[in-house]
C-alpha atoms as a PDB file:
ATOM      1  CA  MET A   1      90.801 -24.452  28.527  1.00  0.00           C
ATOM      2  CA  LEU A   2      91.076 -22.258  25.393  1.00  0.00           C
ATOM      3  CA  VAL A   3      89.265 -19.606  27.076  1.00  0.00           C
ATOM      4  CA  LEU A   4      91.219 -19.865  30.118  1.00  0.00           C
ATOM      5  CA  ASN A   5      94.491 -19.328  28.033  1.00  0.00           C
ATOM      6  CA  ARG A   6      93.030 -16.594  26.010  1.00  0.00           C
ATOM      7  CA  ILE A   7      92.119 -14.677  29.569  1.00  0.00           C
ATOM      8  CA  LEU A   8      95.590 -15.475  30.851  1.00  0.00           C
ATOM      9  CA  GLU A   9      97.206 -13.873  27.762  1.00  0.00           C
ATOM     10  CA  THR A  10      95.130 -10.787  27.796  1.00  0.00           C
ATOM     11  CA  GLN A  11      95.203 -10.135  31.587  1.00  0.00           C
ATOM     12  CA  LEU A  12      99.342 -10.764  32.199  1.00  0.00           C
ATOM     13  CA  ILE A  13     100.623 -10.107  28.619  1.00  0.00           C
ATOM     14  CA  ASP A  14     101.994  -7.236  26.984  1.00  0.00           C
ATOM     15  CA  GLU A  15     104.676  -8.304  24.802  1.00  0.00           C
ATOM     16  CA  ILE A  16     105.204 -11.365  22.643  1.00  0.00           C
ATOM     17  CA  PHE A  17     107.663 -13.047  24.364  1.00  0.00           C
ATOM     18  CA  GLY A  18     105.432 -12.686  27.595  1.00  0.00           C
ATOM     19  CA  GLU A  19     102.797 -14.301  25.705  1.00  0.00           C
ATOM     20  CA  SER A  20     104.481 -17.637  25.220  1.00  0.00           C
ATOM     21  CA  LEU A  21     105.712 -17.472  28.562  1.00  0.00           C
ATOM     22  CA  SER A  22     101.965 -17.522  29.959  1.00  0.00           C
ATOM     23  CA  ARG A  23     100.805 -20.276  27.840  1.00  0.00           C
ATOM     24  CA  GLU A  24     103.949 -22.701  29.238  1.00  0.00           C
ATOM     25  CA  GLU A  25     102.556 -21.551  32.841  1.00  0.00           C
ATOM     26  CA  LEU A  26      99.181 -22.146  31.888  1.00  0.00           C
ATOM     27  CA  SER A  27     100.310 -25.663  30.531  1.00  0.00           C
ATOM     28  CA  GLN A  28     102.186 -26.576  33.551  1.00  0.00           C
ATOM     29  CA  MET A  29      99.511 -25.546  35.925  1.00  0.00           C
ATOM     30  CA  LEU A  30      96.791 -27.638  34.209  1.00  0.00           C
ATOM     31  CA  LEU A  31      99.313 -30.517  34.182  1.00  0.00           C
ATOM     32  CA  GLY A  32      99.933 -30.254  37.956  1.00  0.00           C
ATOM     33  CA  TYR A  33      96.326 -29.812  38.743  1.00  0.00           C
ATOM     34  CA  CYS A  34      95.354 -33.080  36.574  1.00  0.00           C
ATOM     35  CA  LYS A  35      98.214 -35.046  38.155  1.00  0.00           C
ATOM     36  CA  GLU A  36      96.758 -33.992  41.485  1.00  0.00           C
ATOM     37  CA  LEU A  37      93.209 -35.190  40.706  1.00  0.00           C
ATOM     38  CA  ALA A  38      93.671 -38.213  38.805  1.00  0.00           C
ATOM     39  CA  PRO A  39      92.828 -41.500  40.808  1.00  0.00           C
ATOM     40  CA  LEU A  40      95.189 -43.388  38.976  1.00  0.00           C
ATOM     41  CA  ASP A  41      98.876 -43.470  38.318  1.00  0.00           C
ATOM     42  CA  VAL A  42      99.870 -40.981  35.237  1.00  0.00           C
ATOM     43  CA  LEU A  43     103.222 -40.550  33.340  1.00  0.00           C
ATOM     44  CA  GLU A  44     105.606 -38.366  35.123  1.00  0.00           C
ATOM     45  CA  ASP A  45     107.622 -37.436  31.855  1.00  0.00           C
ATOM     46  CA  TYR A  46     104.515 -36.060  30.033  1.00  0.00           C
ATOM     47  CA  PRO A  47     105.240 -32.876  28.278  1.00  0.00           C
ATOM     48  CA  ALA A  48     103.175 -30.122  29.746  1.00  0.00           C
ATOM     49  CA  SER A  49     102.513 -28.306  26.069  1.00  0.00           C
ATOM     50  CA  ILE A  50     100.051 -30.985  25.217  1.00  0.00           C
ATOM     51  CA  ALA A  51      97.708 -29.892  27.798  1.00  0.00           C
ATOM     52  CA  LEU A  52      96.501 -27.176  25.504  1.00  0.00           C
ATOM     53  CA  LYS A  53      95.556 -29.546  22.830  1.00  0.00           C
ATOM     54  CA  TYR A  54      92.676 -30.537  24.590  1.00  0.00           C
ATOM     55  CA  ALA A  55      89.517 -28.505  24.363  1.00  0.00           C
ATOM     56  CA  HIS A  56      88.175 -29.881  27.861  1.00  0.00           C
ATOM     57  CA  LEU A  57      89.966 -30.596  31.130  1.00  0.00           C
ATOM     58  CA  LEU A  58      88.169 -33.970  31.555  1.00  0.00           C
ATOM     59  CA  GLU A  59      89.283 -35.005  28.128  1.00  0.00           C
ATOM     60  CA  PHE A  60      92.980 -34.051  29.127  1.00  0.00           C
ATOM     61  CA  LEU A  61      92.597 -36.095  32.385  1.00  0.00           C
ATOM     62  CA  TYR A  62      91.359 -38.923  30.652  1.00  0.00           C
ATOM     63  CA  HIS A  63      94.135 -39.260  28.213  1.00  0.00           C
ATOM     64  CA  LEU A  64      96.620 -38.434  30.636  1.00  0.00           C
ATOM     65  CA  ILE A  65      95.488 -41.778  32.712  1.00  0.00           C
ATOM     66  CA  MET A  66      95.270 -43.913  29.620  1.00  0.00           C
ATOM     67  CA  ARG A  67      98.566 -43.120  27.946  1.00  0.00           C
ATOM     68  CA  THR A  68     101.258 -45.519  28.622  1.00  0.00           C
ATOM     69  CA  GLU A  69     104.200 -43.474  26.680  1.00  0.00           C
ATOM     70  CA  PRO A  70     104.716 -39.922  26.556  1.00  0.00           C
ATOM     71  CA  PRO A  71     104.125 -38.412  22.755  1.00  0.00           C
ATOM     72  CA  GLU A  72     107.212 -38.647  20.603  1.00  0.00           C
ATOM     73  CA  THR A  73     107.243 -34.875  19.832  1.00  0.00           C
ATOM     74  CA  PRO A  74     105.223 -31.859  21.655  1.00  0.00           C
ATOM     75  CA  ILE A  75     102.245 -31.036  19.767  1.00  0.00           C
ATOM     76  CA  SER A  76     103.179 -27.584  18.132  1.00  0.00           C
ATOM     77  CA  LEU A  77     100.839 -24.827  19.485  1.00  0.00           C
ATOM     78  CA  PRO A  78      99.304 -22.068  17.014  1.00  0.00           C
ATOM     79  CA  PRO A  79     101.450 -18.832  17.770  1.00  0.00           C
ATOM     80  CA  PRO A  80      99.771 -16.346  20.130  1.00  0.00           C
ATOM     81  CA  SER A  81      97.739 -13.837  18.411  1.00  0.00           C
ATOM     82  CA  PRO A  82      98.758  -9.896  19.639  1.00  0.00           C
ATOM     83  CA  PRO A  83      97.151  -8.227  22.321  1.00  0.00           C
ATOM     84  CA  MET A  84      93.887  -7.022  21.486  1.00  0.00           C
ATOM     85  CA  VAL A  85      94.284  -3.091  23.047  1.00  0.00           C
ATOM     86  CA  PRO A  86      91.001  -0.835  21.656  1.00  0.00           C
ATOM     87  CA  ALA A  87      91.934   2.669  21.067  1.00  0.00           C
ATOM     88  CA  ARG A  88      88.545   3.747  22.023  1.00  0.00           C
ATOM     89  CA  PRO A  89      85.485   2.341  23.766  1.00  0.00           C
ATOM     90  CA  MET A  90      83.938  -0.720  21.559  1.00  0.00           C
ATOM     91  CA  ALA A  91      81.074  -2.998  21.924  1.00  0.00           C
ATOM     92  CA  PRO A  92      81.749  -6.452  23.996  1.00  0.00           C
ATOM     93  CA  ALA A  93      83.258  -8.897  21.912  1.00  0.00           C
ATOM     94  CA  LEU A  94      81.233 -12.148  20.754  1.00  0.00           C
ATOM     95  CA  PRO A  95      82.548 -15.411  23.049  1.00  0.00           C
ATOM     96  CA  MET A  96      83.732 -16.920  19.576  1.00  0.00           C
ATOM     97  CA  ASP A  97      86.175 -13.787  19.412  1.00  0.00           C
ATOM     98  CA  MET A  98      87.664 -14.670  22.430  1.00  0.00           C
ATOM     99  CA  MET A  99      89.629 -17.495  20.790  1.00  0.00           C
ATOM    100  CA  PRO A 100      91.622 -18.119  17.578  1.00  0.00           C
ATOM    101  CA  PRO A 101      89.555 -19.302  14.680  1.00  0.00           C
ATOM    102  CA  MET A 102      91.085 -22.744  14.121  1.00  0.00           C
ATOM    103  CA  ASP A 103      91.006 -23.722  17.671  1.00  0.00           C
ATOM    104  CA  PHE A 104      87.222 -22.358  17.959  1.00  0.00           C
ATOM    105  CA  ILE A 105      86.368 -24.237  14.898  1.00  0.00           C
ATOM    106  CA  GLN A 106      88.248 -27.474  16.567  1.00  0.00           C
ATOM    107  CA  ALA A 107      86.396 -27.389  19.519  1.00  0.00           C
ATOM    108  CA  VAL A 108      82.875 -26.881  17.716  1.00  0.00           C
ATOM    109  CA  VAL A 109      83.765 -29.933  15.705  1.00  0.00           C
ATOM    110  CA  GLU A 110      84.689 -31.937  18.637  1.00  0.00           C
ATOM    111  CA  LEU A 111      81.454 -30.859  20.609  1.00  0.00           C
ATOM    112  CA  VAL A 112      79.111 -32.020  17.537  1.00  0.00           C
ATOM    113  CA  ARG A 113      80.919 -35.218  17.136  1.00  0.00           C
ATOM    114  CA  GLY A 114      80.558 -35.960  20.843  1.00  0.00           C
ATOM    115  CA  VAL A 115      76.747 -34.933  20.803  1.00  0.00           C
ATOM    116  CA  VAL A 116      76.220 -37.042  17.840  1.00  0.00           C
ATOM    117  CA  GLU A 117      77.541 -40.126  19.145  1.00  0.00           C
ATOM    118  CA  PHE A 118      76.192 -39.886  22.745  1.00  0.00           C
ATOM    119  CA  ARG A 119      72.837 -39.451  20.618  1.00  0.00           C
ATOM    120  CA  SER A 120      73.194 -42.595  18.494  1.00  0.00           C
ATOM    121  CA  ASN A 121      74.541 -44.848  21.268  1.00  0.00           C
ATOM    122  CA  PHE A 122      71.593 -43.594  23.586  1.00  0.00           C
ATOM    123  CA  PHE A 123      68.677 -44.314  21.188  1.00  0.00           C
ATOM    124  CA  ASN A 124      70.686 -47.569  19.772  1.00  0.00           C
ATOM    125  CA  SER A 125      70.769 -48.942  23.388  1.00  0.00           C
ATOM    126  CA  SER A 126      67.038 -48.758  24.068  1.00  0.00           C
ATOM    127  CA  ASN A 127      66.494 -51.020  20.812  1.00  0.00           C
ATOM    128  CA  LYS A 128      69.614 -53.407  20.691  1.00  0.00           C
ATOM    129  CA  ALA A 129      70.483 -53.521  24.570  1.00  0.00           C
ATOM    130  CA  PRO A 130      73.325 -56.267  24.603  1.00  0.00           C
ATOM    131  CA  VAL A 131      72.724 -59.040  27.033  1.00  0.00           C
ATOM    132  CA  GLU A 132      75.778 -58.851  29.311  1.00  0.00           C
ATOM    133  CA  LYS A 133      76.183 -61.403  32.307  1.00  0.00           C
ATOM    134  CA  GLU A 134      77.251 -59.989  35.521  1.00  0.00           C
ATOM    135  CA  ILE A 135      80.879 -60.117  36.630  1.00  0.00           C
ATOM    136  CA  LEU A 136      81.503 -62.663  38.967  1.00  0.00           C
ATOM    137  CA  ILE A 137      85.018 -62.161  40.519  1.00  0.00           C
ATOM    138  CA  PRO A 138      85.779 -63.406  44.106  1.00  0.00           C
ATOM    139  CA  THR A 139      86.449 -60.335  46.472  1.00  0.00           C
ATOM    140  CA  ALA A 140      89.969 -59.287  47.642  1.00  0.00           C
ATOM    141  CA  SER A 141      89.420 -61.120  51.171  1.00  0.00           C
ATOM    142  CA  LYS A 142      88.302 -64.368  49.288  1.00  0.00           C
ATOM    143  CA  LEU A 143      91.316 -64.155  47.016  1.00  0.00           C
ATOM    144  CA  CYS A 144      93.458 -63.331  49.726  1.00  0.00           C
ATOM    145  CA  SER A 145      92.337 -66.353  51.964  1.00  0.00           C
ATOM    146  CA  VAL A 146      93.358 -68.486  49.115  1.00  0.00           C
ATOM    147  CA  GLY A 147      97.138 -67.436  49.147  1.00  0.00           C
ATOM    148  CA  VAL A 148      96.611 -64.735  46.337  1.00  0.00           C
ATOM    149  CA  GLN A 149      99.166 -61.599  46.699  1.00  0.00           C
ATOM    150  CA  PHE A 150      97.982 -58.400  45.442  1.00  0.00           C
ATOM    151  CA  VAL A 151     100.944 -56.472  43.463  1.00  0.00           C
ATOM    152  CA  CYS A 152     100.765 -52.736  42.506  1.00  0.00           C
ATOM    153  CA  THR A 153     101.307 -52.127  38.786  1.00  0.00           C
ATOM    154  CA  ASN A 154     101.876 -48.744  36.998  1.00  0.00           C
ATOM    155  CA  HIS A 155      98.920 -48.681  34.864  1.00  0.00           C
ATOM    156  CA  VAL A 156      95.321 -49.827  34.402  1.00  0.00           C
ATOM    157  CA  THR A 157      96.361 -51.728  31.079  1.00  0.00           C
ATOM    158  CA  ALA A 158      98.833 -54.072  33.156  1.00  0.00           C
ATOM    159  CA  THR A 159      96.355 -55.296  35.058  1.00  0.00           C
ATOM    160  CA  GLU A 160      97.176 -59.208  35.155  1.00  0.00           C
ATOM    161  CA  PHE A 161      96.410 -62.632  36.959  1.00  0.00           C
ATOM    162  CA  GLU A 162      99.458 -64.617  37.254  1.00  0.00           C
ATOM    163  CA  VAL A 163      98.989 -68.109  38.236  1.00  0.00           C
ATOM    164  CA  GLU A 164     102.663 -69.243  37.595  1.00  0.00           C
ATOM    165  CA  GLY A 165     104.360 -67.097  40.020  1.00  0.00           C
ATOM    166  CA  ASP A 166     104.904 -68.163  43.695  1.00  0.00           C
ATOM    167  CA  PRO A 167     102.844 -66.712  45.298  1.00  0.00           C
ATOM    168  CA  VAL A 168     100.115 -66.512  42.711  1.00  0.00           C
ATOM    169  CA  SER A 169      99.814 -62.857  42.157  1.00  0.00           C
ATOM    170  CA  PHE A 170      97.021 -60.222  40.982  1.00  0.00           C
ATOM    171  CA  LYS A 171      98.288 -57.045  39.453  1.00  0.00           C
ATOM    172  CA  LEU A 172      96.275 -53.919  40.017  1.00  0.00           C
ATOM    173  CA  PRO A 173      97.103 -50.310  39.418  1.00  0.00           C
ATOM    174  CA  PHE A 174      97.136 -47.902  42.356  1.00  0.00           C
ATOM    175  CA  ILE A 175      94.215 -46.157  43.305  1.00  0.00           C
ATOM    176  CA  LYS A 176      94.155 -42.933  45.187  1.00  0.00           C
ATOM    177  CA  LEU A 177      90.910 -42.057  47.069  1.00  0.00           C
ATOM    178  CA  ASN A 178      89.617 -38.888  48.280  1.00  0.00           C
ATOM    179  CA  ALA A 179      86.289 -37.153  48.880  1.00  0.00           C
ATOM    180  CA  ASN A 180      86.474 -36.190  45.251  1.00  0.00           C
ATOM    181  CA  THR A 181      87.274 -39.361  43.777  1.00  0.00           C
ATOM    182  CA  GLU A 182      83.612 -40.788  43.239  1.00  0.00           C
ATOM    183  CA  VAL A 183      82.933 -37.591  40.980  1.00  0.00           C
ATOM    184  CA  ILE A 184      86.016 -37.734  38.946  1.00  0.00           C
ATOM    185  CA  ILE A 185      85.685 -41.805  38.163  1.00  0.00           C
ATOM    186  CA  ARG A 186      81.852 -41.420  37.243  1.00  0.00           C
ATOM    187  CA  ASN A 187      83.030 -38.361  34.866  1.00  0.00           C
ATOM    188  CA  LEU A 188      85.931 -40.302  33.553  1.00  0.00           C
ATOM    189  CA  VAL A 189      83.643 -43.277  32.835  1.00  0.00           C
ATOM    190  CA  ALA A 190      80.748 -41.337  31.200  1.00  0.00           C
ATOM    191  CA  TYR A 191      83.411 -39.509  29.047  1.00  0.00           C
ATOM    192  CA  GLU A 192      85.047 -42.916  27.792  1.00  0.00           C
ATOM    193  CA  GLN A 193      81.524 -44.277  27.112  1.00  0.00           C
ATOM    194  CA  ILE A 194      80.606 -41.194  24.937  1.00  0.00           C
ATOM    195  CA  SER A 195      84.129 -40.533  23.126  1.00  0.00           C
ATOM    196  CA  LYS A 196      84.663 -44.412  22.166  1.00  0.00           C
ATOM    197  CA  LEU A 197      83.369 -45.992  18.909  1.00  0.00           C
ATOM    198  CA  GLU A 198      81.501 -49.181  19.062  1.00  0.00           C
ATOM    199  CA  SER A 199      84.347 -51.149  18.079  1.00  0.00           C
ATOM    200  CA  GLU A 200      86.507 -49.736  20.906  1.00  0.00           C
ATOM    201  CA  CYS A 201      87.207 -51.311  24.450  1.00  0.00           C
ATOM    202  CA  LEU A 202      86.099 -49.399  27.191  1.00  0.00           C
ATOM    203  CA  VAL A 203      88.919 -50.032  29.423  1.00  0.00           C
ATOM    204  CA  LEU A 204      88.415 -47.626  32.071  1.00  0.00           C
ATOM    205  CA  THR A 205      84.904 -48.658  32.250  1.00  0.00           C
ATOM    206  CA  ARG A 206      85.463 -52.292  32.475  1.00  0.00           C
ATOM    207  CA  PHE A 207      88.300 -51.864  35.193  1.00  0.00           C
ATOM    208  CA  PHE A 208      86.038 -50.092  37.497  1.00  0.00           C
ATOM    209  CA  GLU A 209      83.320 -52.916  37.067  1.00  0.00           C
ATOM    210  CA  MET A 210      85.762 -55.211  38.288  1.00  0.00           C
ATOM    211  CA  MET A 211      86.666 -53.405  41.124  1.00  0.00           C
ATOM    212  CA  ASN A 212      83.091 -53.397  41.752  1.00  0.00           C
ATOM    213  CA  GLY A 213      83.201 -57.057  42.235  1.00  0.00           C
ATOM    214  CA  ILE A 214      86.638 -57.101  43.964  1.00  0.00           C
ATOM    215  CA  ILE A 215      85.328 -54.590  46.758  1.00  0.00           C
ATOM    216  CA  GLU A 216      82.225 -55.571  48.567  1.00  0.00           C
ATOM    217  CA  THR A 217      83.086 -55.087  52.367  1.00  0.00           C
ATOM    218  CA  GLU A 218      85.286 -53.498  54.537  1.00  0.00           C
ATOM    219  CA  GLU A 219      87.578 -56.345  54.832  1.00  0.00           C
ATOM    220  CA  ASP A 220      88.380 -56.010  51.197  1.00  0.00           C
ATOM    221  CA  VAL A 221      89.334 -52.521  51.659  1.00  0.00           C
ATOM    222  CA  LYS A 222      91.762 -53.450  54.416  1.00  0.00           C
ATOM    223  CA  VAL A 223      93.282 -56.290  52.241  1.00  0.00           C
ATOM    224  CA  LEU A 224      93.754 -53.773  49.213  1.00  0.00           C
ATOM    225  CA  LYS A 225      95.466 -51.094  51.437  1.00  0.00           C
ATOM    226  CA  TYR A 226      97.563 -53.653  53.223  1.00  0.00           C
ATOM    227  CA  HIS A 227      99.011 -54.510  49.995  1.00  0.00           C
ATOM    228  CA  GLY A 228      99.370 -51.214  48.723  1.00  0.00           C
ATOM    229  CA  ILE A 229      96.851 -50.984  46.267  1.00  0.00           C
ATOM    230  CA  LEU A 230      94.715 -48.381  47.945  1.00  0.00           C
ATOM    231  CA  ARG A 231      95.607 -44.944  49.604  1.00  0.00           C
ATOM    232  CA  ILE A 232      92.640 -43.407  51.269  1.00  0.00           C
ATOM    233  CA  GLU A 233      92.866 -39.846  52.183  1.00  0.00           C
ATOM    234  CA  SER A 234      90.236 -38.367  54.759  1.00  0.00           C
ATOM    235  CA  MET A 235      87.896 -41.503  54.273  1.00  0.00           C
ATOM    236  CA  LYS A 236      86.552 -44.208  55.998  1.00  0.00           C
ATOM    237  CA  ASP A 237      86.715 -47.672  54.865  1.00  0.00           C
ATOM    238  CA  ASP A 238      82.595 -48.162  54.402  1.00  0.00           C
ATOM    239  CA  GLU A 239      82.442 -45.022  52.353  1.00  0.00           C
ATOM    240  CA  VAL A 240      85.230 -46.522  49.744  1.00  0.00           C
ATOM    241  CA  VAL A 241      83.071 -49.705  49.834  1.00  0.00           C
ATOM    242  CA  LYS A 242      79.976 -47.420  48.702  1.00  0.00           C
ATOM    243  CA  ILE A 243      82.145 -45.573  45.882  1.00  0.00           C
ATOM    244  CA  PHE A 244      82.819 -49.044  44.009  1.00  0.00           C
ATOM    245  CA  SER A 245      79.651 -50.636  44.664  1.00  0.00           C
ATOM    246  CA  GLY A 246      77.694 -47.653  43.578  1.00  0.00           C
ATOM    247  CA  MET A 247      79.303 -47.953  40.048  1.00  0.00           C
ATOM    248  CA  SER A 248      76.611 -49.323  37.452  1.00  0.00           C
ATOM    249  CA  LYS A 249      77.471 -51.206  34.476  1.00  0.00           C
ATOM    250  CA  SER A 250      77.868 -49.793  30.788  1.00  0.00           C
ATOM    251  CA  ILE A 251      75.011 -50.070  28.383  1.00  0.00           C
ATOM    252  CA  ARG A 252      77.242 -51.525  25.936  1.00  0.00           C
ATOM    253  CA  LEU A 253      79.650 -54.615  25.918  1.00  0.00           C
ATOM    254  CA  ALA A 254      83.048 -53.492  27.224  1.00  0.00           C
ATOM    255  CA  ASN A 255      85.913 -56.208  26.752  1.00  0.00           C
ATOM    256  CA  PRO A 256      89.573 -55.284  27.015  1.00  0.00           C
ATOM    257  CA  ARG A 257      91.369 -58.350  26.796  1.00  0.00           C
ATOM    258  CA  ASN A 258      93.845 -58.037  29.488  1.00  0.00           C
ATOM    259  CA  ILE A 259      91.018 -57.443  32.190  1.00  0.00           C
ATOM    260  CA  GLU A 260      88.572 -60.152  30.956  1.00  0.00           C
ATOM    261  CA  LYS A 261      91.496 -62.691  31.118  1.00  0.00           C
ATOM    262  CA  ALA A 262      92.386 -61.553  34.494  1.00  0.00           C
ATOM    263  CA  ILE A 263      88.739 -61.890  35.627  1.00  0.00           C
ATOM    264  CA  GLU A 264      88.486 -65.358  34.010  1.00  0.00           C
ATOM    265  CA  GLU A 265      91.985 -66.595  35.472  1.00  0.00           C
ATOM    266  CA  ALA A 266      90.826 -65.404  39.156  1.00  0.00           C
ATOM    267  CA  ASN A 267      87.901 -67.350  38.923  1.00  0.00           C
ATOM    268  CA  LYS A 268      89.087 -70.361  37.777  1.00  0.00           C
ATOM    269  CA  TYR A 269      92.149 -70.268  40.209  1.00  0.00           C
ATOM    270  CA  TYR A 270      89.790 -69.515  43.395  1.00  0.00           C
ATOM    271  CA  ASN A 271      87.283 -72.108  42.083  1.00  0.00           C
ATOM    272  CA  ASP A 272      89.704 -74.873  41.561  1.00  0.00           C
ATOM    273  CA  GLN A 273      90.976 -74.719  45.345  1.00  0.00           C
ATOM    274  CA  LEU A 274      90.196 -77.734  47.488  1.00  0.00           C
ATOM    275  CA  ASP A 275      88.577 -75.976  50.159  1.00  0.00           C
ATOM    276  CA  VAL A 276      86.497 -73.747  48.216  1.00  0.00           C
ATOM    277  CA  MET A 277      85.293 -76.931  46.243  1.00  0.00           C
ATOM    278  CA  ILE A 278      84.479 -78.628  49.677  1.00  0.00           C
ATOM    279  CA  ARG A 279      82.285 -75.362  50.834  1.00  0.00           C
ATOM    280  CA  LYS A 280      80.460 -75.219  47.667  1.00  0.00           C
ATOM    281  CA  PHE A 281      79.742 -79.154  47.521  1.00  0.00           C
ATOM    282  CA  ILE A 282      78.489 -78.999  51.164  1.00  0.00           C
ATOM    283  CA  LYS A 283      76.355 -75.846  50.268  1.00  0.00           C
ATOM    284  CA  LYS A 284      75.063 -77.822  47.373  1.00  0.00           C
ATOM    285  CA  CYS A 285      74.293 -80.739  49.197  1.00  0.00           C
ATOM    286  CA  LEU A 286      72.516 -79.017  52.104  1.00  0.00           C
ATOM    287  CA  SER A 287      70.567 -76.407  50.030  1.00  0.00           C
ATOM    288  CA  PRO A 288      67.578 -79.138  49.574  1.00  0.00           C
ATOM    289  CA  LEU A 289      67.726 -80.314  53.129  1.00  0.00           C
ATOM    290  CA  SER A 290      67.748 -76.778  54.581  1.00  0.00           C
ATOM    291  CA  ASN A 291      64.630 -76.013  52.471  1.00  0.00           C
ATOM    292  CA  ILE A 292      62.988 -79.319  53.659  1.00  0.00           C
ATOM    293  CA  ILE A 293      63.749 -78.256  57.371  1.00  0.00           C
ATOM    294  CA  ARG A 294      62.320 -74.757  57.021  1.00  0.00           C
ATOM    295  CA  LYS A 295      59.189 -76.024  55.433  1.00  0.00           C
ATOM    296  CA  PHE A 296      58.907 -78.412  58.295  1.00  0.00           C
ATOM    297  CA  TRP A 297      59.608 -75.857  60.921  1.00  0.00           C
ATOM    298  CA  ALA A 298      57.007 -73.606  59.261  1.00  0.00           C
ATOM    299  CA  ALA A 299      54.418 -76.326  59.343  1.00  0.00           C
ATOM    300  CA  PHE A 300      55.429 -77.112  63.058  1.00  0.00           C
ATOM    301  CA  VAL A 301      55.015 -73.542  63.735  1.00  0.00           C
ATOM    302  CA  LEU A 302      51.395 -73.337  62.142  1.00  0.00           C
ATOM    303  CA  ILE A 303      50.527 -76.552  64.115  1.00  0.00           C
ATOM    304  CA  ILE A 304      51.078 -74.825  67.396  1.00  0.00           C
ATOM    305  CA  LEU A 305      49.344 -71.550  66.478  1.00  0.00           C
ATOM    306  CA  ALA A 306      46.167 -73.657  65.255  1.00  0.00           C
ATOM    307  CA  TYR A 307      46.308 -75.328  68.649  1.00  0.00           C
ATOM    308  CA  GLU A 308      46.689 -72.393  70.768  1.00  0.00           C
ATOM    309  CA  VAL A 309      43.714 -70.791  68.887  1.00  0.00           C
ATOM    310  CA  TYR A 310      41.491 -73.877  69.348  1.00  0.00           C
ATOM    311  CA  CYS A 311      42.284 -73.837  73.094  1.00  0.00           C
ATOM    312  CA  SER A 312      41.528 -70.455  73.651  1.00  0.00           C
ATOM    313  CA  VAL A 313      37.954 -70.712  71.936  1.00  0.00           C
ATOM    314  CA  TYR A 314      37.145 -74.179  73.141  1.00  0.00           C
ATOM    315  CA  GLY A 315      38.979 -74.282  76.823  1.00  0.00           C
ATOM    316  CA  CYS A 316      41.476 -77.312  76.489  1.00  0.00           C
ATOM    317  CA  ALA A 317      42.532 -76.587  80.114  1.00  0.00           C
ATOM    318  CA  SER A 318      38.879 -76.818  81.562  1.00  0.00           C
ATOM    319  CA  LYS A 319      38.268 -80.097  79.264  1.00  0.00           C
ATOM    320  CA  CYS A 320      41.379 -81.821  80.925  1.00  0.00           C
ATOM    321  CA  LYS A 321      40.352 -80.682  84.458  1.00  0.00           C
ATOM    322  CA  LYS A 322      36.516 -82.514  83.804  1.00  0.00           C
ATOM    323  CA  SER A 323      38.102 -85.576  82.506  1.00  0.00           C
ATOM    324  CA  ASN A 324      40.229 -86.009  85.676  1.00  0.00           C
END
């Protein structure tokens, strides 16, 4: 983004006033582009000038999604340098000369920090991989069958399962899905896992892991579309199922409090329903009986096959005729 800013300045700007205008236009372009790409809702009153603070477009997109309130004051940008107009032919400038010194140093520091953290996380995970239990949460269609109402909320941190309301509600953020969503989600999750410290929660990662459990079939997609949680553009329901079913679990624990509580409350409410308890009890009781029936049937089939082999060799039909 720093390089884009510099290129736009040198191509379109001849005066100092014009340079400030180009930076504002670039900020507006980046903000509009990220709002269009974002799979989750973002703040409407986010200041555009904050866009040029970040060294990478993915970093800006992540903070745009995760931010709950706009910054109190826009980040002041460094004053633009005067346009470079060479008086005579010169050798091509080095890439580091294309950006201001402070911006270049900041970009290098951020890059080194990210590489070091990724390296430490990668090697530590092979030695001390945390034992994480699989997320078990009822699917959207199962929750809907026991009277749960899905309600659209404005942010991922507002995910909540409310038992006290009538009807019981499950608050989920609005999700926009299109052909590019899977790539964007995977990159956002990867960036969160690399950029966050070990002590910090992986909110976005855990949310999409939860959605992996909520969406398992096309029926789950239809339920969420009906309640306004999903908006699908140029995609089929089975393709949406593949997006969320392909989400792998993180190599480290990610326990944001609100999402963990929502998962716990959803499981508790669903398992406490009378019809669910009866189905589980019947399944538990019939499971040993079904095993016995399968073994008996297998033994019966083996006896029939053995009898047919014996008759094909020794001729059971001919013996029966002689005895008569």
